[in-house]
Amino acid sequence: MFERLKRLFGNPWLWPALLAVAVAAGWYLTERLAEAELPAGIASGNGRVEAVAIDISARSAGRISDILVQEGETVSAGQVMARMDTQQLDAMLREARAQLQRGRIGRAVAESGVNQAEAERSAALAIVAQREAELGSAESRFNRSQQLVERNTVAQQTVEDDRARFEGARAALDAARAQVAVAEAGIATARARIVDAEASIEAAEAAIERIQTEIDDSTLRSPRDGRVQYLVAQPGEVVAGGGRVLNLIDLSDVYMTVFLSTLEAGRLAIGSEARIVLDTAPGVVIPARVSFLSDVAQFTPRTVETAEERQGMMFRVRVRVAPELLERHADYVKPGLPGVAYVKTDPSAQWPERLRTGLLE
């Protein structure tokens, strides 16, 4: 037995491992003791750094033409990240533009028809005026002939001829007025064709706008600054309408979620001071603010709540890091990193020394 222990502790690879374990255990105990020695008015909870995740999806079903970013790449707002195939949309756009051109030609033709019909009406009105004058002359002549025949001054045949001319002039006037009505109907028809052509133009313009919007939406852009977390699909794959292509995290909205007891959460307020210490950088203290307090406990007793049970309830609290601080220290604060969040339940409480030193600014 003694020889076995001697061989074990004589192993040169054992001492570094024992030293690492001792250091880790010492750091763990130090942190636990430090947490236990938090001053009154300050509470803490464990959590992980999180960020708002955004799914970048295709608006319409189609094939992915190209993906221009990689996982882990930082992107800026408006940057093109992926493109969908738009061959079919391009063909539809050309068709809609042809319909627009046809509608414009139809409107020009209808406007010419209106002008022609108005000219025909003007000519018909002139003929009506001429026929009215002829009718008036024929009527006067017929009336004189009737007076003269009574005095045997003219022959009866003359009276009959004048009556015929009068009736012919009246018929000619009616025909001229009918031509005016025909011309006015032609104007109405031509104007209706203008309305129809303008409706076709409006429909074509709406179709062009809709198709162009779909083409624009086929270019997937980043809605804000962030980092590509992972790709869901690859170029060449067909996705459904609303299908995810990639996932983006917003680096300007980073927070940590912790759970505090009823007594601690009840003393918090939105905007209360907070501090975050990450396991990967124990010497760095990140200032933050309380941005969310859950109004529903995460644990609810099955029956009647006693005072002791109410004290056992846990409430979700979100501690948010200021965006301007993230811009300057993005390397420290990364989603997924574990750590501890400290919050002031009493605004007058003072941070301990270890939460004042190493503070990011």
Protein backbone atom coordinates (compact mmCIF):
# COMPACT_ATOMS: atom_id res chain seq x y z
CA MET A 1 0.00 0.00 0.00
CA PHE A 2 2.78 2.43 0.93
CA GLU A 3 4.60 1.62 -2.29
CA ARG A 4 1.47 2.32 -4.34
CA LEU A 5 0.99 5.76 -2.74
CA LYS A 6 4.65 6.49 -3.28
CA ARG A 7 4.38 5.66 -6.96
CA LEU A 8 1.16 7.70 -7.24
CA PHE A 9 2.50 10.90 -5.70
CA GLY A 10 5.79 10.45 -7.47
CA ASN A 11 4.05 10.81 -10.82
CA PRO A 12 5.22 14.17 -12.36
CA TRP A 13 1.88 14.66 -14.20
CA LEU A 14 -0.15 14.48 -10.99
CA TRP A 15 1.05 17.64 -9.29
CA PRO A 16 -0.12 20.13 -11.98
CA ALA A 17 -3.54 18.51 -11.97
CA LEU A 18 -3.76 18.70 -8.17
CA LEU A 19 -2.62 22.33 -8.30
CA ALA A 20 -5.32 23.23 -10.87
CA VAL A 21 -7.98 21.52 -8.76
CA ALA A 22 -6.78 23.37 -5.69
CA VAL A 23 -6.86 26.73 -7.46
CA ALA A 24 -10.35 26.09 -8.85
CA ALA A 25 -11.60 24.98 -5.45
CA GLY A 26 -10.03 28.00 -3.81
CA TRP A 27 -11.62 30.37 -6.33
CA TYR A 28 -14.99 28.67 -5.92
CA LEU A 29 -14.85 28.91 -2.12
CA THR A 30 -13.70 32.52 -2.33
CA GLU A 31 -16.60 33.43 -4.59
CA ARG A 32 -19.10 31.60 -2.41
CA LEU A 33 -17.79 33.28 0.72
CA ALA A 34 -17.82 36.62 -1.01
CA GLU A 35 -21.41 36.08 -2.11
CA ALA A 36 -22.33 35.12 1.41
CA GLU A 37 -20.78 38.37 2.63
CA LEU A 38 -22.85 40.64 0.38
CA PRO A 39 -23.93 43.75 2.28
CA ALA A 40 -27.58 44.39 3.07
CA GLY A 41 -29.54 45.81 0.16
CA ILE A 42 -27.71 43.79 -2.52
CA ALA A 43 -28.91 40.47 -3.96
CA SER A 44 -27.37 38.13 -6.52
CA GLY A 45 -28.33 35.34 -8.88
CA ASN A 46 -26.70 33.07 -11.42
CA GLY A 47 -27.47 33.32 -15.11
CA ARG A 48 -26.18 33.41 -18.65
CA VAL A 49 -25.67 36.31 -20.99
CA GLU A 50 -28.46 36.41 -23.57
CA ALA A 51 -29.24 38.56 -26.59
CA VAL A 52 -32.34 39.21 -28.69
CA ALA A 53 -32.44 36.63 -31.49
CA ILE A 54 -33.94 37.51 -34.87
CA ASP A 55 -34.97 34.97 -37.49
CA ILE A 56 -34.19 36.16 -41.02
CA SER A 57 -36.86 34.49 -43.15
CA ALA A 58 -37.98 34.42 -46.76
CA ARG A 59 -41.20 36.35 -47.31
CA SER A 60 -42.33 34.09 -50.16
CA ALA A 61 -41.59 30.51 -51.05
CA GLY A 62 -38.61 30.07 -53.34
CA ARG A 63 -35.10 28.81 -53.87
CA ILE A 64 -32.12 30.33 -52.08
CA SER A 65 -29.77 31.76 -54.68
CA ASP A 66 -26.86 32.78 -52.45
CA ILE A 67 -25.89 33.32 -48.82
CA LEU A 68 -23.33 36.08 -48.39
CA VAL A 69 -22.49 35.74 -44.67
CA GLN A 70 -21.01 33.06 -42.46
CA GLU A 71 -21.79 31.90 -38.94
CA GLY A 72 -20.17 34.18 -36.37
CA GLU A 73 -19.82 37.08 -38.81
CA THR A 74 -20.71 40.56 -37.56
CA VAL A 75 -23.13 42.43 -39.84
CA SER A 76 -24.44 45.99 -39.93
CA ALA A 77 -27.98 47.23 -40.45
CA GLY A 78 -29.02 47.06 -44.10
CA GLN A 79 -26.24 44.67 -45.11
CA VAL A 80 -27.25 42.04 -47.67
CA MET A 81 -27.04 38.59 -46.11
CA ALA A 82 -28.81 36.32 -48.61
CA ARG A 83 -30.63 36.41 -51.93
CA MET A 84 -33.56 34.38 -53.19
CA ASP A 85 -33.93 33.29 -56.82
CA THR A 86 -36.06 35.86 -58.70
CA GLN A 87 -36.24 34.49 -62.26
CA GLN A 88 -39.99 33.93 -62.10
CA LEU A 89 -40.57 37.30 -60.49
CA ASP A 90 -38.44 39.00 -63.15
CA ALA A 91 -40.61 37.42 -65.87
CA MET A 92 -43.77 38.55 -64.09
CA LEU A 93 -42.33 42.05 -63.82
CA ARG A 94 -41.66 42.20 -67.57
CA GLU A 95 -45.22 41.03 -68.25
CA ALA A 96 -46.66 43.69 -65.95
CA ARG A 97 -44.59 46.38 -67.63
CA ALA A 98 -45.90 45.23 -71.02
CA GLN A 99 -49.45 45.48 -69.67
CA LEU A 100 -48.66 48.99 -68.49
CA GLN A 101 -47.42 49.96 -71.94
CA ARG A 102 -50.54 48.46 -73.53
CA GLY A 103 -52.73 50.43 -71.16
CA ARG A 104 -50.96 53.68 -71.98
CA ILE A 105 -51.41 53.05 -75.71
CA GLY A 106 -55.08 52.24 -75.15
CA ARG A 107 -55.52 55.49 -73.24
CA ALA A 108 -53.87 57.49 -76.07
CA VAL A 109 -56.16 55.82 -78.63
CA ALA A 110 -59.22 56.52 -76.48
CA GLU A 111 -58.23 60.15 -76.08
CA SER A 112 -57.91 60.43 -79.88
CA GLY A 113 -61.35 58.86 -80.17
CA VAL A 114 -62.76 61.51 -77.84
CA ASN A 115 -61.23 64.28 -79.94
CA GLN A 116 -62.60 62.75 -83.14
CA ALA A 117 -66.09 62.29 -81.64
CA GLU A 118 -66.10 65.89 -80.39
CA ALA A 119 -65.13 67.09 -83.87
CA GLU A 120 -67.96 65.03 -85.37
CA ARG A 121 -70.39 66.52 -82.87
CA SER A 122 -69.25 70.04 -83.78
CA ALA A 123 -69.81 69.25 -87.47
CA ALA A 124 -73.22 67.76 -86.67
CA LEU A 125 -74.17 70.86 -84.69
CA ALA A 126 -73.17 73.03 -87.64
CA ILE A 127 -75.37 70.94 -89.91
CA VAL A 128 -78.22 71.25 -87.41
CA ALA A 129 -77.88 75.02 -87.52
CA GLN A 130 -77.91 74.92 -91.32
CA ARG A 131 -80.95 72.66 -91.39
CA GLU A 132 -82.76 74.90 -88.92
CA ALA A 133 -82.15 77.89 -91.20
CA GLU A 134 -83.37 75.94 -94.22
CA LEU A 135 -86.41 74.83 -92.27
CA GLY A 136 -87.19 78.37 -91.29
CA SER A 137 -86.91 79.56 -94.88
CA ALA A 138 -89.05 76.69 -96.18
CA GLU A 139 -91.67 77.31 -93.52
CA SER A 140 -91.91 81.03 -94.37
CA ARG A 141 -92.19 80.29 -98.07
CA PHE A 142 -94.87 77.68 -97.44
CA ASN A 143 -96.87 80.11 -95.29
CA ARG A 144 -96.74 82.82 -97.99
CA SER A 145 -97.81 80.33 -100.66
CA GLN A 146 -100.83 79.37 -98.57
CA GLN A 147 -101.86 83.01 -98.23
CA LEU A 148 -101.40 83.68 -101.92
CA VAL A 149 -103.31 80.58 -103.05
CA GLU A 150 -106.33 81.76 -101.09
CA ARG A 151 -106.33 84.92 -103.21
CA ASN A 152 -105.69 82.89 -106.38
CA THR A 153 -102.36 84.62 -106.86
CA VAL A 154 -100.29 81.43 -107.19
CA ALA A 155 -101.11 77.98 -108.45
CA GLN A 156 -101.97 75.11 -106.12
CA GLN A 157 -98.95 73.24 -107.42
CA THR A 158 -96.68 75.92 -106.06
CA VAL A 159 -98.20 75.46 -102.62
CA GLU A 160 -97.66 71.73 -102.82
CA ASP A 161 -94.04 72.20 -103.84
CA ASP A 162 -93.43 74.58 -100.94
CA ARG A 163 -95.03 72.11 -98.51
CA ALA A 164 -92.73 69.38 -99.80
CA ARG A 165 -89.70 71.59 -99.32
CA PHE A 166 -90.87 72.40 -95.77
CA GLU A 167 -91.34 68.75 -94.82
CA GLY A 168 -87.99 67.87 -96.38
CA ALA A 169 -86.24 70.59 -94.38
CA ARG A 170 -87.88 69.31 -91.18
CA ALA A 171 -86.73 65.76 -91.91
CA ALA A 172 -83.23 67.00 -92.69
CA LEU A 173 -83.17 68.82 -89.34
CA ASP A 174 -84.22 65.67 -87.49
CA ALA A 175 -81.50 63.72 -89.25
CA ALA A 176 -78.90 66.36 -88.32
CA ARG A 177 -80.00 66.22 -84.69
CA ALA A 178 -79.68 62.44 -84.78
CA GLN A 179 -76.11 62.84 -86.00
CA VAL A 180 -75.42 65.07 -82.99
CA ALA A 181 -76.78 62.34 -80.70
CA VAL A 182 -74.58 59.76 -82.42
CA ALA A 183 -71.52 61.99 -81.99
CA GLU A 184 -72.29 62.51 -78.30
CA ALA A 185 -72.67 58.75 -77.83
CA GLY A 186 -69.28 58.35 -79.52
CA ILE A 187 -67.79 60.83 -77.07
CA ALA A 188 -69.22 58.92 -74.11
CA THR A 189 -67.89 55.64 -75.50
CA ALA A 190 -64.43 57.10 -76.07
CA ARG A 191 -64.38 58.53 -72.56
CA ALA A 192 -65.40 55.16 -71.15
CA ARG A 193 -62.46 53.66 -73.03
CA ILE A 194 -60.20 56.24 -71.38
CA VAL A 195 -61.50 55.20 -67.96
CA ASP A 196 -60.96 51.53 -68.85
CA ALA A 197 -57.44 52.24 -70.09
CA GLU A 198 -56.61 54.21 -66.94
CA ALA A 199 -57.92 51.34 -64.82
CA SER A 200 -55.67 48.97 -66.78
CA ILE A 201 -52.75 51.32 -66.25
CA GLU A 202 -53.45 51.52 -62.51
CA ALA A 203 -53.73 47.73 -62.27
CA ALA A 204 -50.46 47.29 -64.16
CA GLU A 205 -48.71 49.85 -61.95
CA ALA A 206 -50.02 48.09 -58.84
CA ALA A 207 -48.81 44.75 -60.20
CA ILE A 208 -45.39 46.25 -60.92
CA GLU A 209 -45.22 47.69 -57.41
CA ARG A 210 -46.24 44.38 -55.85
CA ILE A 211 -43.79 42.34 -57.90
CA GLN A 212 -41.00 44.84 -57.30
CA THR A 213 -41.69 44.62 -53.56
CA GLU A 214 -41.42 40.84 -53.73
CA ILE A 215 -38.15 41.17 -55.65
CA ASP A 216 -36.83 43.60 -53.06
CA ASP A 217 -37.92 41.25 -50.27
CA SER A 218 -36.00 38.48 -52.02
CA THR A 219 -32.84 40.28 -50.98
CA LEU A 220 -32.56 39.48 -47.27
CA ARG A 221 -30.95 42.36 -45.37
CA SER A 222 -29.98 42.69 -41.76
CA PRO A 223 -32.61 44.71 -39.85
CA ARG A 224 -29.99 45.91 -37.35
CA ASP A 225 -26.39 45.53 -36.27
CA GLY A 226 -25.68 42.05 -34.97
CA ARG A 227 -23.89 38.76 -35.39
CA VAL A 228 -24.92 35.73 -37.44
CA GLN A 229 -25.57 32.96 -34.93
CA TYR A 230 -26.24 30.05 -37.29
CA LEU A 231 -27.45 29.21 -40.80
CA VAL A 232 -30.70 27.29 -41.13
CA ALA A 233 -30.58 26.65 -44.90
CA GLN A 234 -28.01 26.55 -47.67
CA PRO A 235 -27.89 27.92 -51.24
CA GLY A 236 -29.98 25.83 -53.61
CA GLU A 237 -32.51 24.77 -51.00
CA VAL A 238 -36.19 25.61 -51.43
CA VAL A 239 -37.88 27.22 -48.43
CA ALA A 240 -41.56 27.87 -47.82
CA GLY A 241 -43.06 31.30 -47.31
CA GLY A 242 -41.81 32.53 -43.95
CA GLY A 243 -39.14 29.80 -43.88
CA ARG A 244 -36.03 30.65 -41.86
CA VAL A 245 -32.75 31.14 -43.68
CA LEU A 246 -30.49 32.24 -40.83
CA ASN A 247 -30.56 33.48 -37.25
CA LEU A 248 -29.16 36.82 -36.11
CA ILE A 249 -28.50 38.08 -32.59
CA ASP A 250 -28.73 41.75 -31.73
CA LEU A 251 -25.49 42.71 -29.98
CA SER A 252 -26.99 46.01 -28.83
CA ASP A 253 -29.62 44.28 -26.66
CA VAL A 254 -27.70 42.01 -24.29
CA TYR A 255 -29.02 40.99 -20.88
CA MET A 256 -28.84 38.35 -18.16
CA THR A 257 -31.85 36.67 -16.60
CA VAL A 258 -31.73 35.68 -12.91
CA PHE A 259 -34.29 34.47 -10.40
CA LEU A 260 -34.73 36.20 -7.05
CA SER A 261 -36.89 35.44 -4.06
CA THR A 262 -40.10 37.26 -3.28
CA LEU A 263 -38.45 39.46 -0.67
CA GLU A 264 -35.60 40.46 -2.97
CA ALA A 265 -37.68 40.94 -6.12
CA GLY A 266 -40.29 42.92 -4.22
CA ARG A 267 -37.72 45.58 -3.35
CA LEU A 268 -36.49 46.01 -6.90
CA ALA A 269 -37.61 48.64 -9.37
CA ILE A 270 -37.15 49.07 -13.09
CA GLY A 271 -33.88 50.91 -13.59
CA SER A 272 -32.25 49.68 -10.37
CA GLU A 273 -28.46 49.50 -10.49
CA ALA A 274 -26.89 46.13 -11.23
CA ARG A 275 -23.52 44.55 -11.83
CA ILE A 276 -22.57 41.51 -13.90
CA VAL A 277 -19.47 39.39 -13.35
CA LEU A 278 -18.76 36.71 -15.93
CA ASP A 279 -17.02 33.44 -15.12
CA THR A 280 -14.65 34.01 -18.04
CA ALA A 281 -13.54 37.41 -16.69
CA PRO A 282 -13.92 37.39 -12.88
CA GLY A 283 -11.91 40.58 -12.53
CA VAL A 284 -14.16 42.60 -14.85
CA VAL A 285 -17.34 44.19 -13.49
CA ILE A 286 -20.00 45.12 -16.06
CA PRO A 287 -22.49 47.85 -15.05
CA ALA A 288 -26.13 47.19 -15.91
CA ARG A 289 -29.69 48.14 -15.05
CA VAL A 290 -32.81 46.15 -14.16
CA SER A 291 -34.99 46.25 -17.30
CA PHE A 292 -37.69 43.67 -16.51
CA LEU A 293 -39.47 42.32 -13.43
CA SER A 294 -41.83 39.38 -13.85
CA ASP A 295 -45.29 39.88 -12.35
CA VAL A 296 -45.84 36.12 -12.13
CA ALA A 297 -43.91 33.86 -9.76
CA GLN A 298 -42.08 30.92 -11.30
CA PHE A 299 -43.24 28.71 -8.43
CA THR A 300 -46.85 28.69 -7.20
CA PRO A 301 -48.06 26.47 -4.30
CA ARG A 302 -50.64 23.89 -5.21
CA THR A 303 -53.11 24.95 -2.50
CA VAL A 304 -53.18 27.77 0.05
CA GLU A 305 -50.16 30.04 0.17
CA THR A 306 -48.68 30.40 3.59
CA ALA A 307 -46.18 33.09 4.52
CA GLU A 308 -43.35 30.56 4.28
CA GLU A 309 -44.49 29.39 0.86
CA ARG A 310 -44.71 32.95 -0.42
CA GLN A 311 -41.13 33.54 0.65
CA GLY A 312 -40.15 30.51 -1.45
CA MET A 313 -41.51 31.97 -4.68
CA MET A 314 -38.95 32.98 -7.30
CA PHE A 315 -39.42 35.87 -9.74
CA ARG A 316 -37.64 36.35 -13.05
CA VAL A 317 -35.51 39.48 -13.26
CA ARG A 318 -33.73 40.76 -16.37
CA VAL A 319 -30.58 42.85 -16.08
CA ARG A 320 -29.66 44.75 -19.27
CA VAL A 321 -26.29 46.11 -20.32
CA ALA A 322 -26.25 49.61 -21.84
CA PRO A 323 -25.87 49.52 -25.67
CA GLU A 324 -23.18 52.22 -25.68
CA LEU A 325 -21.13 50.12 -23.27
CA LEU A 326 -21.48 47.07 -25.52
CA GLU A 327 -20.11 49.03 -28.48
CA ARG A 328 -16.89 49.71 -26.57
CA HIS A 329 -16.51 46.30 -24.90
CA ALA A 330 -18.11 43.75 -27.25
CA ASP A 331 -15.28 41.28 -26.60
CA TYR A 332 -16.18 40.92 -22.92
CA VAL A 333 -19.93 40.48 -23.22
CA LYS A 334 -20.86 37.54 -25.43
CA PRO A 335 -24.14 35.62 -25.45
CA GLY A 336 -24.01 32.27 -23.71
CA LEU A 337 -21.35 33.13 -21.13
CA PRO A 338 -22.31 32.19 -17.55
CA GLY A 339 -21.91 34.56 -14.64
CA VAL A 340 -23.49 36.24 -11.64
CA ALA A 341 -25.71 39.32 -11.61
CA TYR A 342 -25.83 41.58 -8.55
CA VAL A 343 -28.71 44.02 -8.04
CA LYS A 344 -29.43 46.76 -5.54
CA THR A 345 -32.62 46.07 -3.63
CA ASP A 346 -31.89 49.21 -1.62
CA PRO A 347 -30.87 52.29 -3.65
CA SER A 348 -28.82 53.62 -0.72
CA ALA A 349 -26.73 50.44 -0.42
CA GLN A 350 -23.04 50.66 -1.29
CA TRP A 351 -21.34 48.24 -3.66
CA PRO A 352 -18.62 46.15 -2.03
CA GLU A 353 -15.04 46.83 -3.06
CA ARG A 354 -14.84 43.84 -5.41
CA LEU A 355 -17.82 45.17 -7.42
CA ARG A 356 -16.28 48.66 -7.70
CA THR A 357 -12.85 47.72 -8.99
CA GLY A 358 -12.46 46.61 -12.57
CA LEU A 359 -15.66 48.41 -13.57
CA LEU A 360 -16.08 48.84 -17.33
CA GLU A 361 -16.64 52.42 -18.46
